[in-house]
């Protein structure tokens, strides 16, 4: 009797969410659950799901053009404030790096 079984590894669950990768194995007749799990984990490792999920783990979404401009303006204003404070003698200038 061949029984179709789907197991989801904890990392493949994330992979399914991000890029719809699914690993499927079928249980052979007379196969115990330990060898089924071992065969599944081997298939997950060989499919490249784990490196893909780990590479996507901390990727944030792309910021909008408005947010990028806002950040650039904030940075420019902060640099201008720092140069003004240095000229007034209220802040020390950082030594230049070689």
PDB file of N, CA and C in Angstrom:
ATOM      1  N   UNK A   1       0.840  -1.177   0.000  1.00  0.00           N
ATOM      2  CA  UNK A   1       0.000   0.000   0.000  1.00  0.00           C
ATOM      3  C   UNK A   1       0.887   1.243   0.000  1.00  0.00           C
ATOM      4  N   UNK A   2       0.674   2.125  -0.953  1.00  0.00           N
ATOM      5  CA  UNK A   2       1.427   3.368  -1.034  1.00  0.00           C
ATOM      6  C   UNK A   2       0.544   4.474  -0.473  1.00  0.00           C
ATOM      7  N   UNK A   3       1.055   5.131   0.532  1.00  0.00           N
ATOM      8  CA  UNK A   3       0.295   6.191   1.176  1.00  0.00           C
ATOM      9  C   UNK A   3       1.006   7.512   0.912  1.00  0.00           C
ATOM     10  N   UNK A   4       0.274   8.498   0.395  1.00  0.00           N
ATOM     11  CA  UNK A   4       0.864   9.786   0.083  1.00  0.00           C
ATOM     12  C   UNK A   4       0.855  10.646   1.350  1.00  0.00           C
ATOM     13  N   UNK A   5       2.018  11.089   1.745  1.00  0.00           N
ATOM     14  CA  UNK A   5       2.150  11.860   2.984  1.00  0.00           C
ATOM     15  C   UNK A   5       2.900  13.137   2.674  1.00  0.00           C
ATOM     16  N   UNK A   6       2.404  14.255   3.180  1.00  0.00           N
ATOM     17  CA  UNK A   6       3.103  15.525   3.030  1.00  0.00           C
ATOM     18  C   UNK A   6       3.607  15.943   4.399  1.00  0.00           C
ATOM     19  N   UNK A   7       4.888  16.162   4.496  1.00  0.00           N
ATOM     20  CA  UNK A   7       5.484  16.655   5.722  1.00  0.00           C
ATOM     21  C   UNK A   7       6.057  18.030   5.433  1.00  0.00           C
ATOM     22  N   UNK A   8       5.900  18.920   6.368  1.00  0.00           N
ATOM     23  CA  UNK A   8       6.464  20.252   6.204  1.00  0.00           C
ATOM     24  C   UNK A   8       7.544  20.446   7.257  1.00  0.00           C
ATOM     25  N   UNK A   9       8.735  20.640   6.803  1.00  0.00           N
ATOM     26  CA  UNK A   9       9.842  20.966   7.689  1.00  0.00           C
ATOM     27  C   UNK A   9       9.628  22.395   8.163  1.00  0.00           C
ATOM     28  N   UNK A  10      10.125  22.769   9.323  1.00  0.00           N
ATOM     29  CA  UNK A  10       9.877  24.112   9.850  1.00  0.00           C
ATOM     30  C   UNK A  10      10.390  25.187   8.898  1.00  0.00           C
ATOM     31  N   UNK A  11      11.507  24.921   8.217  1.00  0.00           N
ATOM     32  CA  UNK A  11      12.023  25.917   7.285  1.00  0.00           C
ATOM     33  C   UNK A  11      11.273  25.896   5.964  1.00  0.00           C
ATOM     34  N   UNK A  12      10.726  24.748   5.568  1.00  0.00           N
ATOM     35  CA  UNK A  12       9.982  24.726   4.312  1.00  0.00           C
ATOM     36  C   UNK A  12       8.672  25.471   4.460  1.00  0.00           C
ATOM     37  N   UNK A  13       8.153  25.579   5.662  1.00  0.00           N
ATOM     38  CA  UNK A  13       6.929  26.351   5.861  1.00  0.00           C
ATOM     39  C   UNK A  13       7.164  27.793   5.462  1.00  0.00           C
ATOM     40  N   UNK A  14       8.319  28.359   5.884  1.00  0.00           N
ATOM     41  CA  UNK A  14       8.658  29.720   5.484  1.00  0.00           C
ATOM     42  C   UNK A  14       8.869  29.795   3.980  1.00  0.00           C
ATOM     43  N   UNK A  15       9.455  28.763   3.418  1.00  0.00           N
ATOM     44  CA  UNK A  15       9.696  28.759   1.979  1.00  0.00           C
ATOM     45  C   UNK A  15       8.383  28.756   1.220  1.00  0.00           C
ATOM     46  N   UNK A  16       7.403  28.038   1.715  1.00  0.00           N
ATOM     47  CA  UNK A  16       6.108  28.021   1.052  1.00  0.00           C
ATOM     48  C   UNK A  16       5.493  29.415   1.102  1.00  0.00           C
ATOM     49  N   UNK A  17       5.672  30.108   2.201  1.00  0.00           N
ATOM     50  CA  UNK A  17       5.116  31.445   2.307  1.00  0.00           C
ATOM     51  C   UNK A  17       5.776  32.416   1.334  1.00  0.00           C
ATOM     52  N   UNK A  18       7.091  32.326   1.172  1.00  0.00           N
ATOM     53  CA  UNK A  18       7.804  33.299   0.362  1.00  0.00           C
ATOM     54  C   UNK A  18       7.844  32.943  -1.114  1.00  0.00           C
ATOM     55  N   UNK A  19       8.074  31.711  -1.457  1.00  0.00           N
ATOM     56  CA  UNK A  19       8.270  31.402  -2.868  1.00  0.00           C
ATOM     57  C   UNK A  19       7.570  30.124  -3.308  1.00  0.00           C
ATOM     58  N   UNK A  20       6.632  29.637  -2.535  1.00  0.00           N
ATOM     59  CA  UNK A  20       5.803  28.494  -2.879  1.00  0.00           C
ATOM     60  C   UNK A  20       6.616  27.255  -3.247  1.00  0.00           C
ATOM     61  N   UNK A  21       7.609  26.938  -2.453  1.00  0.00           N
ATOM     62  CA  UNK A  21       8.377  25.714  -2.649  1.00  0.00           C
ATOM     63  C   UNK A  21       7.789  24.665  -1.717  1.00  0.00           C
ATOM     64  N   UNK A  22       7.534  23.499  -2.256  1.00  0.00           N
ATOM     65  CA  UNK A  22       6.971  22.433  -1.444  1.00  0.00           C
ATOM     66  C   UNK A  22       7.752  21.155  -1.717  1.00  0.00           C
ATOM     67  N   UNK A  23       8.035  20.410  -0.668  1.00  0.00           N
ATOM     68  CA  UNK A  23       8.727  19.143  -0.802  1.00  0.00           C
ATOM     69  C   UNK A  23       7.731  18.047  -0.462  1.00  0.00           C
ATOM     70  N   UNK A  24       7.570  17.101  -1.358  1.00  0.00           N
ATOM     71  CA  UNK A  24       6.589  16.050  -1.160  1.00  0.00           C
ATOM     72  C   UNK A  24       7.249  14.685  -1.342  1.00  0.00           C
ATOM     73  N   UNK A  25       6.954  13.779  -0.423  1.00  0.00           N
ATOM     74  CA  UNK A  25       7.450  12.413  -0.547  1.00  0.00           C
ATOM     75  C   UNK A  25       6.276  11.464  -0.333  1.00  0.00           C
ATOM     76  N   UNK A  26       6.399  10.264  -0.858  1.00  0.00           N
ATOM     77  CA  UNK A  26       5.355   9.249  -0.655  1.00  0.00           C
ATOM     78  C   UNK A  26       5.924   8.129   0.199  1.00  0.00           C
ATOM     79  N   UNK A  27       5.082   7.618   1.055  1.00  0.00           N
ATOM     80  CA  UNK A  27       5.504   6.548   1.949  1.00  0.00           C
ATOM     81  C   UNK A  27       5.418   5.208   1.211  1.00  0.00           C
ATOM     82  N   UNK A  28       6.511   4.503   1.196  1.00  0.00           N
ATOM     83  CA  UNK A  28       6.552   3.201   0.531  1.00  0.00           C
ATOM     84  C   UNK A  28       5.963   2.125   1.440  1.00  0.00           C
ATOM     85  N   UNK A  29       5.586   1.019   0.842  1.00  0.00           N
ATOM     86  CA  UNK A  29       5.025  -0.086   1.622  1.00  0.00           C
ATOM     87  C   UNK A  29       6.102  -0.655   2.551  1.00  0.00           C
ATOM     88  N   UNK A  30       5.753  -0.833   3.786  1.00  0.00           N
ATOM     89  CA  UNK A  30       6.677  -1.423   4.754  1.00  0.00           C
ATOM     90  C   UNK A  30       7.744  -0.465   5.246  1.00  0.00           C
ATOM     91  N   UNK A  31       7.620   0.807   4.967  1.00  0.00           N
ATOM     92  CA  UNK A  31       8.631   1.787   5.395  1.00  0.00           C
ATOM     93  C   UNK A  31       8.223   2.359   6.752  1.00  0.00           C
ATOM     94  N   UNK A  32       9.155   2.375   7.684  1.00  0.00           N
ATOM     95  CA  UNK A  32       8.822   2.933   8.993  1.00  0.00           C
ATOM     96  C   UNK A  32       8.938   4.448   8.979  1.00  0.00           C
ATOM     97  N   UNK A  33       8.393   5.067  10.015  1.00  0.00           N
ATOM     98  CA  UNK A  33       8.320   6.531  10.035  1.00  0.00           C
ATOM     99  C   UNK A  33       9.696   7.177  10.156  1.00  0.00           C
ATOM    100  N   UNK A  34      10.631   6.521  10.806  1.00  0.00           N
ATOM    101  CA  UNK A  34      11.970   7.088  10.963  1.00  0.00           C
ATOM    102  C   UNK A  34      12.678   7.220   9.620  1.00  0.00           C
ATOM    103  N   UNK A  35      12.592   6.189   8.795  1.00  0.00           N
ATOM    104  CA  UNK A  35      13.240   6.269   7.485  1.00  0.00           C
ATOM    105  C   UNK A  35      12.510   7.257   6.576  1.00  0.00           C
ATOM    106  N   UNK A  36      11.198   7.398   6.764  1.00  0.00           N
ATOM    107  CA  UNK A  36      10.434   8.382   5.992  1.00  0.00           C
ATOM    108  C   UNK A  36      10.892   9.801   6.324  1.00  0.00           C
ATOM    109  N   UNK A  37      11.051  10.068   7.608  1.00  0.00           N
ATOM    110  CA  UNK A  37      11.512  11.401   8.031  1.00  0.00           C
ATOM    111  C   UNK A  37      12.936  11.650   7.559  1.00  0.00           C
ATOM    112  N   UNK A  38      13.798  10.629   7.628  1.00  0.00           N
ATOM    113  CA  UNK A  38      15.175  10.768   7.173  1.00  0.00           C
ATOM    114  C   UNK A  38      15.225  11.080   5.672  1.00  0.00           C
ATOM    115  N   UNK A  39      14.391  10.358   4.905  1.00  0.00           N
ATOM    116  CA  UNK A  39      14.348  10.575   3.462  1.00  0.00           C
ATOM    117  C   UNK A  39      13.815  11.978   3.137  1.00  0.00           C
ATOM    118  N   UNK A  40      12.829  12.415   3.914  1.00  0.00           N
ATOM    119  CA  UNK A  40      12.287  13.755   3.708  1.00  0.00           C
ATOM    120  C   UNK A  40      13.330  14.826   3.994  1.00  0.00           C
ATOM    121  N   UNK A  41      14.037  14.700   5.118  1.00  0.00           N
ATOM    122  CA  UNK A  41      15.032  15.726   5.459  1.00  0.00           C
ATOM    123  C   UNK A  41      16.159  15.751   4.432  1.00  0.00           C
ATOM    124  N   UNK A  42      16.518  14.600   3.878  1.00  0.00           N
ATOM    125  CA  UNK A  42      17.518  14.568   2.809  1.00  0.00           C
ATOM    126  C   UNK A  42      17.018  15.304   1.572  1.00  0.00           C
ATOM    127  N   UNK A  43      15.751  15.101   1.252  1.00  0.00           N
ATOM    128  CA  UNK A  43      15.176  15.757   0.072  1.00  0.00           C
ATOM    129  C   UNK A  43      15.097  17.268   0.274  1.00  0.00           C
ATOM    130  N   UNK A  44      14.770  17.696   1.484  1.00  0.00           N
ATOM    131  CA  UNK A  44      14.726  19.134   1.795  1.00  0.00           C
ATOM    132  C   UNK A  44      16.108  19.740   1.633  1.00  0.00           C
ATOM    133  N   UNK A  45      17.138  19.043   2.136  1.00  0.00           N
ATOM    134  CA  UNK A  45      18.498  19.561   2.029  1.00  0.00           C
ATOM    135  C   UNK A  45      18.954  19.625   0.578  1.00  0.00           C
ATOM    136  N   UNK A  46      18.602  18.621  -0.209  1.00  0.00           N
ATOM    137  CA  UNK A  46      19.063  18.605  -1.598  1.00  0.00           C
ATOM    138  C   UNK A  46      18.291  19.557  -2.493  1.00  0.00           C
ATOM    139  N   UNK A  47      17.078  19.933  -2.077  1.00  0.00           N
ATOM    140  CA  UNK A  47      16.272  20.815  -2.924  1.00  0.00           C
ATOM    141  C   UNK A  47      16.711  22.272  -2.844  1.00  0.00           C
ATOM    142  N   UNK A  48      17.504  22.635  -1.839  1.00  0.00           N
ATOM    143  CA  UNK A  48      17.989  24.006  -1.725  1.00  0.00           C
ATOM    144  C   UNK A  48      16.993  24.933  -1.070  1.00  0.00           C
ATOM    145  N   UNK A  49      16.019  24.391  -0.361  1.00  0.00           N
ATOM    146  CA  UNK A  49      15.015  25.212   0.300  1.00  0.00           C
ATOM    147  C   UNK A  49      15.633  26.002   1.442  1.00  0.00           C
ATOM    148  N   UNK A  50      16.467  25.359   2.233  1.00  0.00           N
ATOM    149  CA  UNK A  50      17.004  25.991   3.440  1.00  0.00           C
ATOM    150  C   UNK A  50      17.879  27.210   3.123  1.00  0.00           C
ATOM    151  N   UNK A  51      18.837  27.137   2.179  1.00  0.00           N
ATOM    152  CA  UNK A  51      19.604  28.345   1.868  1.00  0.00           C
ATOM    153  C   UNK A  51      18.740  29.477   1.309  1.00  0.00           C
ATOM    154  N   UNK A  52      17.726  29.108   0.538  1.00  0.00           N
ATOM    155  CA  UNK A  52      16.832  30.125  -0.036  1.00  0.00           C
ATOM    156  C   UNK A  52      16.064  30.845   1.070  1.00  0.00           C
ATOM    157  N   UNK A  53      15.552  30.109   2.020  1.00  0.00           N
ATOM    158  CA  UNK A  53      14.785  30.711   3.112  1.00  0.00           C
ATOM    159  C   UNK A  53      15.690  31.557   3.988  1.00  0.00           C
ATOM    160  N   UNK A  54      16.892  31.064   4.254  1.00  0.00           N
ATOM    161  CA  UNK A  54      17.808  31.830   5.089  1.00  0.00           C
ATOM    162  C   UNK A  54      18.241  33.120   4.400  1.00  0.00           C
ATOM    163  N   UNK A  55      18.339  33.106   3.077  1.00  0.00           N
ATOM    164  CA  UNK A  55      18.708  34.334   2.375  1.00  0.00           C
ATOM    165  C   UNK A  55      17.563  35.338   2.384  1.00  0.00           C
ATOM    166  N   UNK A  56      16.326  34.853   2.452  1.00  0.00           N
ATOM    167  CA  UNK A  56      15.164  35.745   2.469  1.00  0.00           C
ATOM    168  C   UNK A  56      14.765  36.178   3.873  1.00  0.00           C
ATOM    169  N   UNK A  57      15.385  35.619   4.864  1.00  0.00           N
ATOM    170  CA  UNK A  57      14.924  35.796   6.234  1.00  0.00           C
ATOM    171  C   UNK A  57      14.875  37.250   6.677  1.00  0.00           C
ATOM    172  N   UNK A  58      15.918  38.008   6.427  1.00  0.00           N
ATOM    173  CA  UNK A  58      15.984  39.374   6.917  1.00  0.00           C
ATOM    174  C   UNK A  58      15.822  40.411   5.817  1.00  0.00           C
ATOM    175  N   UNK A  59      15.409  40.001   4.649  1.00  0.00           N
ATOM    176  CA  UNK A  59      15.193  40.967   3.580  1.00  0.00           C
ATOM    177  C   UNK A  59      13.914  41.738   3.834  1.00  0.00           C
ATOM    178  N   UNK A  60      14.033  43.046   3.868  1.00  0.00           N
ATOM    179  CA  UNK A  60      12.841  43.875   4.002  1.00  0.00           C
ATOM    180  C   UNK A  60      12.333  44.261   2.630  1.00  0.00           C
ATOM    181  N   UNK A  61      11.175  44.835   2.606  1.00  0.00           N
ATOM    182  CA  UNK A  61      10.644  45.235   1.316  1.00  0.00           C
ATOM    183  C   UNK A  61      11.312  46.523   0.862  1.00  0.00           C
ATOM    184  N   UNK A  62      11.207  46.833  -0.401  1.00  0.00           N
ATOM    185  CA  UNK A  62      11.831  48.021  -0.984  1.00  0.00           C
ATOM    186  C   UNK A  62      11.056  49.252  -0.521  1.00  0.00           C
ATOM    187  N   UNK A  63      11.791  50.268  -0.069  1.00  0.00           N
ATOM    188  CA  UNK A  63      11.136  51.486   0.398  1.00  0.00           C
ATOM    189  C   UNK A  63      10.653  52.309  -0.779  1.00  0.00           C
ATOM    190  N   UNK A  64       9.610  53.074  -0.543  1.00  0.00           N
ATOM    191  CA  UNK A  64       9.059  53.918  -1.595  1.00  0.00           C
ATOM    192  C   UNK A  64      10.007  55.086  -1.874  1.00  0.00           C
ATOM    193  N   UNK A  65       9.836  55.714  -3.023  1.00  0.00           N
ATOM    194  CA  UNK A  65      10.697  56.838  -3.394  1.00  0.00           C
ATOM    195  C   UNK A  65      10.543  57.980  -2.398  1.00  0.00           C
ATOM    196  N   UNK A  66       9.328  58.182  -1.903  1.00  0.00           N
ATOM    197  CA  UNK A  66       9.072  59.241  -0.931  1.00  0.00           C
ATOM    198  C   UNK A  66       9.877  59.017   0.348  1.00  0.00           C
ATOM    199  N   UNK A  67       9.883  57.777   0.846  1.00  0.00           N
ATOM    200  CA  UNK A  67      10.634  57.467   2.060  1.00  0.00           C
ATOM    201  C   UNK A  67      12.134  57.643   1.852  1.00  0.00           C
ATOM    202  N   UNK A  68      12.630  57.250   0.672  1.00  0.00           N
ATOM    203  CA  UNK A  68      14.055  57.406   0.374  1.00  0.00           C
ATOM    204  C   UNK A  68      14.425  58.889   0.367  1.00  0.00           C
ATOM    205  N   UNK A  69      13.572  59.708  -0.241  1.00  0.00           N
ATOM    206  CA  UNK A  69      13.832  61.157  -0.281  1.00  0.00           C
ATOM    207  C   UNK A  69      13.774  61.761   1.120  1.00  0.00           C
ATOM    208  N   UNK A  70      12.798  61.330   1.908  1.00  0.00           N
ATOM    209  CA  UNK A  70      12.691  61.834   3.280  1.00  0.00           C
ATOM    210  C   UNK A  70      13.951  61.519   4.081  1.00  0.00           C
ATOM    211  N   UNK A  71      14.439  60.305   3.941  1.00  0.00           N
ATOM    212  CA  UNK A  71      15.640  59.901   4.668  1.00  0.00           C
ATOM    213  C   UNK A  71      16.853  60.715   4.211  1.00  0.00           C
ATOM    214  N   UNK A  72      16.955  60.946   2.907  1.00  0.00           N
ATOM    215  CA  UNK A  72      18.073  61.727   2.377  1.00  0.00           C
ATOM    216  C   UNK A  72      18.026  63.161   2.898  1.00  0.00           C
ATOM    217  N   UNK A  73      16.835  63.756   2.928  1.00  0.00           N
ATOM    218  CA  UNK A  73      16.706  65.122   3.446  1.00  0.00           C
ATOM    219  C   UNK A  73      17.047  65.198   4.928  1.00  0.00           C
ATOM    220  N   UNK A  74      16.616  64.210   5.689  1.00  0.00           N
ATOM    221  CA  UNK A  74      16.921  64.178   7.110  1.00  0.00           C
ATOM    222  C   UNK A  74      18.426  64.080   7.336  1.00  0.00           C
ATOM    223  N   UNK A  75      19.079  63.244   6.533  1.00  0.00           N
ATOM    224  CA  UNK A  75      20.526  63.088   6.639  1.00  0.00           C
ATOM    225  C   UNK A  75      21.249  64.386   6.284  1.00  0.00           C
ATOM    226  N   UNK A  76      20.790  65.049   5.220  1.00  0.00           N
ATOM    227  CA  UNK A  76      21.411  66.318   4.812  1.00  0.00           C
ATOM    228  C   UNK A  76      21.252  67.370   5.901  1.00  0.00           C
ATOM    229  N   UNK A  77      20.057  67.461   6.496  1.00  0.00           N
ATOM    230  CA  UNK A  77      19.831  68.437   7.568  1.00  0.00           C
ATOM    231  C   UNK A  77      20.721  68.147   8.772  1.00  0.00           C
ATOM    232  N   UNK A  78      20.857  66.883   9.109  1.00  0.00           N
ATOM    233  CA  UNK A  78      21.696  66.513  10.251  1.00  0.00           C
ATOM    234  C   UNK A  78      23.155  66.859   9.985  1.00  0.00           C
ATOM    235  N   UNK A  79      23.627  66.605   8.764  1.00  0.00           N
ATOM    236  CA  UNK A  79      25.015  66.960   8.428  1.00  0.00           C
ATOM    237  C   UNK A  79      25.238  68.457   8.505  1.00  0.00           C
ATOM    238  N   UNK A  80      24.244  69.231   8.025  1.00  0.00           N
ATOM    239  CA  UNK A  80      24.360  70.691   8.106  1.00  0.00           C
ATOM    240  C   UNK A  80      24.401  71.168   9.554  1.00  0.00           C
ATOM    241  N   UNK A  81      23.574  70.555  10.429  1.00  0.00           N
ATOM    242  CA  UNK A  81      23.599  70.911  11.851  1.00  0.00           C
ATOM    243  C   UNK A  81      24.960  70.616  12.473  1.00  0.00           C
ATOM    244  N   UNK A  82      25.521  69.473  12.124  1.00  0.00           N
ATOM    245  CA  UNK A  82      26.817  69.087  12.690  1.00  0.00           C
ATOM    246  C   UNK A  82      27.914  70.039  12.226  1.00  0.00           C
ATOM    247  N   UNK A  83      27.912  70.397  10.944  1.00  0.00           N
ATOM    248  CA  UNK A  83      28.939  71.340  10.455  1.00  0.00           C
ATOM    249  C   UNK A  83      28.779  72.702  11.113  1.00  0.00           C
ATOM    250  N   UNK A  84      27.536  73.129  11.358  1.00  0.00           N
ATOM    251  CA  UNK A  84      27.302  74.405  12.036  1.00  0.00           C
ATOM    252  C   UNK A  84      27.818  74.347  13.470  1.00  0.00           C
ATOM    253  N   UNK A  85      27.549  73.244  14.175  1.00  0.00           N
ATOM    254  CA  UNK A  85      28.030  73.102  15.550  1.00  0.00           C
ATOM    255  C   UNK A  85      29.557  73.058  15.598  1.00  0.00           C
ATOM    256  N   UNK A  86      30.179  72.446  14.608  1.00  0.00           N
ATOM    257  CA  UNK A  86      31.648  72.401  14.556  1.00  0.00           C
ATOM    258  C   UNK A  86      32.205  73.805  14.334  1.00  0.00           C
ATOM    259  N   UNK A  87      31.570  74.572  13.445  1.00  0.00           N
ATOM    260  CA  UNK A  87      32.040  75.938  13.188  1.00  0.00           C
ATOM    261  C   UNK A  87      31.876  76.836  14.408  1.00  0.00           C
ATOM    262  N   UNK A  88      30.812  76.603  15.187  1.00  0.00           N
ATOM    263  CA  UNK A  88      30.590  77.397  16.391  1.00  0.00           C
ATOM    264  C   UNK A  88      31.458  76.937  17.557  1.00  0.00           C
ATOM    265  N   UNK A  89      32.101  75.780  17.417  1.00  0.00           N
ATOM    266  CA  UNK A  89      32.978  75.271  18.453  1.00  0.00           C
ATOM    267  C   UNK A  89      32.245  74.485  19.526  1.00  0.00           C
ATOM    268  N   UNK A  90      30.996  74.135  19.269  1.00  0.00           N
ATOM    269  CA  UNK A  90      30.210  73.389  20.257  1.00  0.00           C
ATOM    270  C   UNK A  90      30.353  71.877  20.091  1.00  0.00           C
ATOM    271  N   UNK A  91      30.936  71.449  18.994  1.00  0.00           N
ATOM    272  CA  UNK A  91      31.147  70.023  18.756  1.00  0.00           C
ATOM    273  C   UNK A  91      32.533  69.847  18.179  1.00  0.00           C
ATOM    274  N   UNK A  92      33.140  68.706  18.463  1.00  0.00           N
ATOM    275  CA  UNK A  92      34.460  68.418  17.951  1.00  0.00           C
ATOM    276  C   UNK A  92      34.351  67.750  16.588  1.00  0.00           C
ATOM    277  N   UNK A  93      35.251  68.115  15.710  1.00  0.00           N
ATOM    278  CA  UNK A  93      35.285  67.496  14.387  1.00  0.00           C
ATOM    279  C   UNK A  93      35.921  66.114  14.510  1.00  0.00           C
ATOM    280  N   UNK A  94      35.376  65.163  13.798  1.00  0.00           N
ATOM    281  CA  UNK A  94      35.950  63.829  13.806  1.00  0.00           C
ATOM    282  C   UNK A  94      37.250  63.851  13.027  1.00  0.00           C
ATOM    283  N   UNK A  95      38.274  63.169  13.506  1.00  0.00           N
ATOM    284  CA  UNK A  95      39.515  63.106  12.711  1.00  0.00           C
ATOM    285  C   UNK A  95      39.253  62.293  11.426  1.00  0.00           C
ATOM    286  N   UNK A  96      39.851  62.780  10.332  1.00  0.00           N
ATOM    287  CA  UNK A  96      39.668  62.082   9.052  1.00  0.00           C
ATOM    288  C   UNK A  96      40.373  60.734   9.072  1.00  0.00           C
ATOM    289  N   UNK A  97      39.750  59.768   8.453  1.00  0.00           N
ATOM    290  CA  UNK A  97      40.329  58.441   8.375  1.00  0.00           C
ATOM    291  C   UNK A  97      41.265  58.359   7.183  1.00  0.00           C
ATOM    292  N   UNK A  98      42.255  57.534   7.297  1.00  0.00           N
ATOM    293  CA  UNK A  98      43.194  57.365   6.200  1.00  0.00           C
ATOM    294  C   UNK A  98      42.684  56.415   5.207  1.00  0.00           C
TER     295      UNK A  98
END
